[in-house]
Amino acid sequence: MRLTLYTDFSLRVLMYLGTKEVGELSTIQEISDRYQISKNHLTKVVHELGKMGLIETVRGRGGGIRLNVKPEEINVGELIRKTEDDFYLVECFREDGNQCILSSACKLKGALHEALAAYLAVLDKYTIADFLVNKDELAAILFDKPL
């Protein structure tokens, strides 16, 4: 399974914001610069994370973004389900456009469905907080702070 850049950026934004002090604002430009990723793509990601209620956007001078929920309330499996376009590991997973002539008798499809379910079940065990247990080390990298 491969995650899209959209999901990757979503996870990175949430980890970045989770590393900040509670209530502290960040900007999209700041995050874009730090991760060296496209500001335009990040803007779309931040907009969607805001629509999901995971981040709060503060408008105006001195505004920015911050977590709207605690990191331990953000389930990684749920986030990935919301940020991925599809989970079509192979063509036969698609209801439309499936051209595989083996689909009606293929046993591989069942194994792949099982693997996908296991993949998501593992991610369901984690929250963003689980990836912030080394917050000081992450802050040192993200914010150039000494350990």
C-alpha atoms as a PDB file:
ATOM      1  CA  MET A   1       0.000   0.000   0.000  1.00  0.00           C
ATOM      2  CA  ARG A   2       1.285   3.412  -0.854  1.00  0.00           C
ATOM      3  CA  LEU A   3      -0.021   6.604   0.690  1.00  0.00           C
ATOM      4  CA  THR A   4      -0.541   9.676  -1.452  1.00  0.00           C
ATOM      5  CA  LEU A   5       1.422  12.864  -0.868  1.00  0.00           C
ATOM      6  CA  TYR A   6      -1.845  14.376   0.336  1.00  0.00           C
ATOM      7  CA  THR A   7      -2.005  11.908   3.232  1.00  0.00           C
ATOM      8  CA  ASP A   8       1.726  12.234   3.880  1.00  0.00           C
ATOM      9  CA  PHE A   9       1.391  16.018   4.100  1.00  0.00           C
ATOM     10  CA  SER A  10      -1.682  15.673   6.345  1.00  0.00           C
ATOM     11  CA  LEU A  11       0.259  13.518   8.790  1.00  0.00           C
ATOM     12  CA  ARG A  12       3.248  15.871   8.712  1.00  0.00           C
ATOM     13  CA  VAL A  13       1.086  18.961   9.335  1.00  0.00           C
ATOM     14  CA  LEU A  14      -0.589  17.309  12.314  1.00  0.00           C
ATOM     15  CA  MET A  15       2.738  16.166  13.743  1.00  0.00           C
ATOM     16  CA  TYR A  16       4.201  19.642  13.227  1.00  0.00           C
ATOM     17  CA  LEU A  17       1.282  21.297  14.999  1.00  0.00           C
ATOM     18  CA  GLY A  18       1.326  18.631  17.705  1.00  0.00           C
ATOM     19  CA  THR A  19       4.960  19.430  18.423  1.00  0.00           C
ATOM     20  CA  LYS A  20       4.121  23.083  19.077  1.00  0.00           C
ATOM     21  CA  GLU A  21       3.070  24.322  22.501  1.00  0.00           C
ATOM     22  CA  VAL A  22      -0.689  24.081  23.102  1.00  0.00           C
ATOM     23  CA  GLY A  23      -2.446  26.998  21.437  1.00  0.00           C
ATOM     24  CA  GLU A  24       0.670  28.224  19.607  1.00  0.00           C
ATOM     25  CA  LEU A  25      -0.001  29.300  16.027  1.00  0.00           C
ATOM     26  CA  SER A  26       1.941  28.266  12.934  1.00  0.00           C
ATOM     27  CA  THR A  27       1.622  29.389   9.347  1.00  0.00           C
ATOM     28  CA  ILE A  28       1.335  27.368   6.175  1.00  0.00           C
ATOM     29  CA  GLN A  29       4.415  29.174   4.876  1.00  0.00           C
ATOM     30  CA  GLU A  30       6.393  28.188   7.978  1.00  0.00           C
ATOM     31  CA  ILE A  31       5.414  24.523   7.612  1.00  0.00           C
ATOM     32  CA  SER A  32       6.029  24.593   3.867  1.00  0.00           C
ATOM     33  CA  ASP A  33       9.487  26.082   4.371  1.00  0.00           C
ATOM     34  CA  ARG A  34      10.419  23.651   7.129  1.00  0.00           C
ATOM     35  CA  TYR A  35       9.375  20.526   5.229  1.00  0.00           C
ATOM     36  CA  GLN A  36      10.426  21.991   1.872  1.00  0.00           C
ATOM     37  CA  ILE A  37       7.104  21.097   0.287  1.00  0.00           C
ATOM     38  CA  SER A  38       4.715  22.998  -1.968  1.00  0.00           C
ATOM     39  CA  LYS A  39       2.792  25.759  -0.223  1.00  0.00           C
ATOM     40  CA  ASN A  40      -0.068  25.316  -2.712  1.00  0.00           C
ATOM     41  CA  HIS A  41      -0.449  21.617  -1.897  1.00  0.00           C
ATOM     42  CA  LEU A  42      -0.138  22.346   1.805  1.00  0.00           C
ATOM     43  CA  THR A  43      -2.867  24.992   1.580  1.00  0.00           C
ATOM     44  CA  LYS A  44      -5.279  22.384   0.201  1.00  0.00           C
ATOM     45  CA  VAL A  45      -4.312  19.928   2.929  1.00  0.00           C
ATOM     46  CA  VAL A  46      -4.757  22.519   5.678  1.00  0.00           C
ATOM     47  CA  HIS A  47      -8.134  23.533   4.267  1.00  0.00           C
ATOM     48  CA  GLU A  48      -9.363  19.913   4.390  1.00  0.00           C
ATOM     49  CA  LEU A  49      -7.936  19.309   7.869  1.00  0.00           C
ATOM     50  CA  GLY A  50      -9.862  22.412   8.943  1.00  0.00           C
ATOM     51  CA  LYS A  51     -13.075  21.084   7.385  1.00  0.00           C
ATOM     52  CA  MET A  52     -12.518  17.833   9.315  1.00  0.00           C
ATOM     53  CA  GLY A  53     -12.282  19.894  12.511  1.00  0.00           C
ATOM     54  CA  LEU A  54      -8.742  18.736  13.259  1.00  0.00           C
ATOM     55  CA  ILE A  55      -7.142  22.156  12.971  1.00  0.00           C
ATOM     56  CA  GLU A  56      -8.317  25.661  13.703  1.00  0.00           C
ATOM     57  CA  THR A  57      -7.583  28.540  11.391  1.00  0.00           C
ATOM     58  CA  VAL A  58      -7.130  31.969  12.938  1.00  0.00           C
ATOM     59  CA  ARG A  59      -7.556  34.769  10.408  1.00  0.00           C
ATOM     60  CA  GLY A  60      -6.027  38.194  10.334  1.00  0.00           C
ATOM     61  CA  ARG A  61      -2.758  39.749  11.311  1.00  0.00           C
ATOM     62  CA  GLY A  62      -0.832  37.385  13.545  1.00  0.00           C
ATOM     63  CA  GLY A  63      -3.138  34.549  12.528  1.00  0.00           C
ATOM     64  CA  GLY A  64      -2.254  31.019  11.619  1.00  0.00           C
ATOM     65  CA  ILE A  65      -3.228  27.448  12.309  1.00  0.00           C
ATOM     66  CA  ARG A  66      -3.141  25.160  15.324  1.00  0.00           C
ATOM     67  CA  LEU A  67      -4.552  21.852  16.422  1.00  0.00           C
ATOM     68  CA  ASN A  68      -8.237  22.000  17.229  1.00  0.00           C
ATOM     69  CA  VAL A  69      -8.227  18.644  19.026  1.00  0.00           C
ATOM     70  CA  LYS A  70      -5.721  16.862  21.216  1.00  0.00           C
ATOM     71  CA  PRO A  71      -3.207  14.668  19.346  1.00  0.00           C
ATOM     72  CA  GLU A  72      -4.498  11.623  21.246  1.00  0.00           C
ATOM     73  CA  GLU A  73      -7.925  12.228  19.691  1.00  0.00           C
ATOM     74  CA  ILE A  74      -6.660  11.977  16.106  1.00  0.00           C
ATOM     75  CA  ASN A  75      -6.811   8.341  15.026  1.00  0.00           C
ATOM     76  CA  VAL A  76      -4.326   7.636  12.243  1.00  0.00           C
ATOM     77  CA  GLY A  77      -6.380   4.909  10.556  1.00  0.00           C
ATOM     78  CA  GLU A  78      -9.426   7.151  10.446  1.00  0.00           C
ATOM     79  CA  LEU A  79      -7.365  10.045   9.089  1.00  0.00           C
ATOM     80  CA  ILE A  80      -5.928   7.878   6.329  1.00  0.00           C
ATOM     81  CA  ARG A  81      -9.385   6.655   5.340  1.00  0.00           C
ATOM     82  CA  LYS A  82     -10.486  10.295   5.031  1.00  0.00           C
ATOM     83  CA  THR A  83      -7.438  11.557   3.124  1.00  0.00           C
ATOM     84  CA  GLU A  84      -6.881   8.747   0.638  1.00  0.00           C
ATOM     85  CA  ASP A  85      -8.808   8.907  -2.626  1.00  0.00           C
ATOM     86  CA  ASP A  86      -9.242   5.167  -2.873  1.00  0.00           C
ATOM     87  CA  PHE A  87      -7.949   1.850  -1.670  1.00  0.00           C
ATOM     88  CA  TYR A  88      -7.950   0.109  -5.031  1.00  0.00           C
ATOM     89  CA  LEU A  89      -4.883  -2.058  -4.604  1.00  0.00           C
ATOM     90  CA  VAL A  90      -5.659  -3.791  -7.867  1.00  0.00           C
ATOM     91  CA  GLU A  91      -8.038  -3.187 -10.737  1.00  0.00           C
ATOM     92  CA  CYS A  92     -10.644  -5.678  -9.522  1.00  0.00           C
ATOM     93  CA  PHE A  93     -11.241  -3.631  -6.364  1.00  0.00           C
ATOM     94  CA  ARG A  94     -12.971  -1.062  -8.552  1.00  0.00           C
ATOM     95  CA  GLU A  95     -16.654  -1.539  -9.208  1.00  0.00           C
ATOM     96  CA  ASP A  96     -16.398   0.572 -12.351  1.00  0.00           C
ATOM     97  CA  GLY A  97     -13.780  -0.009 -15.014  1.00  0.00           C
ATOM     98  CA  ASN A  98     -12.688  -3.475 -13.904  1.00  0.00           C
ATOM     99  CA  GLN A  99     -11.347  -5.152 -17.033  1.00  0.00           C
ATOM    100  CA  CYS A 100      -9.654  -8.134 -15.386  1.00  0.00           C
ATOM    101  CA  ILE A 101     -10.966 -11.357 -16.913  1.00  0.00           C
ATOM    102  CA  LEU A 102     -10.066 -13.321 -13.758  1.00  0.00           C
ATOM    103  CA  SER A 103     -12.273 -11.301 -11.384  1.00  0.00           C
ATOM    104  CA  SER A 104     -15.135 -13.763 -11.148  1.00  0.00           C
ATOM    105  CA  ALA A 105     -12.883 -16.671 -10.087  1.00  0.00           C
ATOM    106  CA  CYS A 106      -9.834 -14.935  -8.608  1.00  0.00           C
ATOM    107  CA  LYS A 107      -8.798 -15.900  -5.066  1.00  0.00           C
ATOM    108  CA  LEU A 108      -6.038 -13.255  -4.914  1.00  0.00           C
ATOM    109  CA  LYS A 109      -8.674 -10.561  -4.471  1.00  0.00           C
ATOM    110  CA  GLY A 110      -9.736 -12.020  -1.105  1.00  0.00           C
ATOM    111  CA  ALA A 111      -6.158 -12.122   0.175  1.00  0.00           C
ATOM    112  CA  LEU A 112      -5.590  -8.536  -0.897  1.00  0.00           C
ATOM    113  CA  HIS A 113      -8.792  -7.410   0.845  1.00  0.00           C
ATOM    114  CA  GLU A 114      -7.574  -9.203   3.978  1.00  0.00           C
ATOM    115  CA  ALA A 115      -4.176  -7.506   3.709  1.00  0.00           C
ATOM    116  CA  LEU A 116      -5.790  -4.075   3.299  1.00  0.00           C
ATOM    117  CA  ALA A 117      -8.013  -4.672   6.323  1.00  0.00           C
ATOM    118  CA  ALA A 118      -4.974  -5.716   8.387  1.00  0.00           C
ATOM    119  CA  TYR A 119      -3.048  -2.633   7.212  1.00  0.00           C
ATOM    120  CA  LEU A 120      -5.849  -0.322   8.313  1.00  0.00           C
ATOM    121  CA  ALA A 121      -6.387  -2.244  11.556  1.00  0.00           C
ATOM    122  CA  VAL A 122      -2.761  -1.600  12.534  1.00  0.00           C
ATOM    123  CA  LEU A 123      -3.118   2.112  11.794  1.00  0.00           C
ATOM    124  CA  ASP A 124      -6.331   2.202  13.829  1.00  0.00           C
ATOM    125  CA  LYS A 125      -4.231   1.365  16.911  1.00  0.00           C
ATOM    126  CA  TYR A 126      -2.365   4.681  16.714  1.00  0.00           C
ATOM    127  CA  THR A 127      -3.071   8.345  17.271  1.00  0.00           C
ATOM    128  CA  ILE A 128      -0.937  11.336  16.350  1.00  0.00           C
ATOM    129  CA  ALA A 129       0.101  11.464  20.026  1.00  0.00           C
ATOM    130  CA  ASP A 130       1.840   8.107  19.588  1.00  0.00           C
ATOM    131  CA  PHE A 131       4.173   9.749  17.101  1.00  0.00           C
ATOM    132  CA  LEU A 132       4.912  12.689  19.394  1.00  0.00           C
ATOM    133  CA  VAL A 133       6.365  10.712  22.320  1.00  0.00           C
ATOM    134  CA  ASN A 134       9.775  12.094  21.347  1.00  0.00           C
ATOM    135  CA  LYS A 135       8.427  15.649  21.134  1.00  0.00           C
ATOM    136  CA  ASP A 136      11.705  17.251  22.280  1.00  0.00           C
ATOM    137  CA  GLU A 137      13.666  15.447  19.578  1.00  0.00           C
ATOM    138  CA  LEU A 138      11.114  16.403  16.928  1.00  0.00           C
ATOM    139  CA  ALA A 139      11.095  20.029  18.112  1.00  0.00           C
ATOM    140  CA  ALA A 140      14.890  20.121  17.880  1.00  0.00           C
ATOM    141  CA  ILE A 141      14.636  19.057  14.240  1.00  0.00           C
ATOM    142  CA  LEU A 142      11.611  21.157  13.314  1.00  0.00           C
ATOM    143  CA  PHE A 143      12.360  24.322  15.183  1.00  0.00           C
ATOM    144  CA  ASP A 144      16.164  24.183  15.433  1.00  0.00           C
ATOM    145  CA  LYS A 145      15.963  24.009  19.204  1.00  0.00           C
ATOM    146  CA  PRO A 146      18.783  22.361  21.133  1.00  0.00           C
ATOM    147  CA  LEU A 147      17.917  19.133  22.955  1.00  0.00           C
END
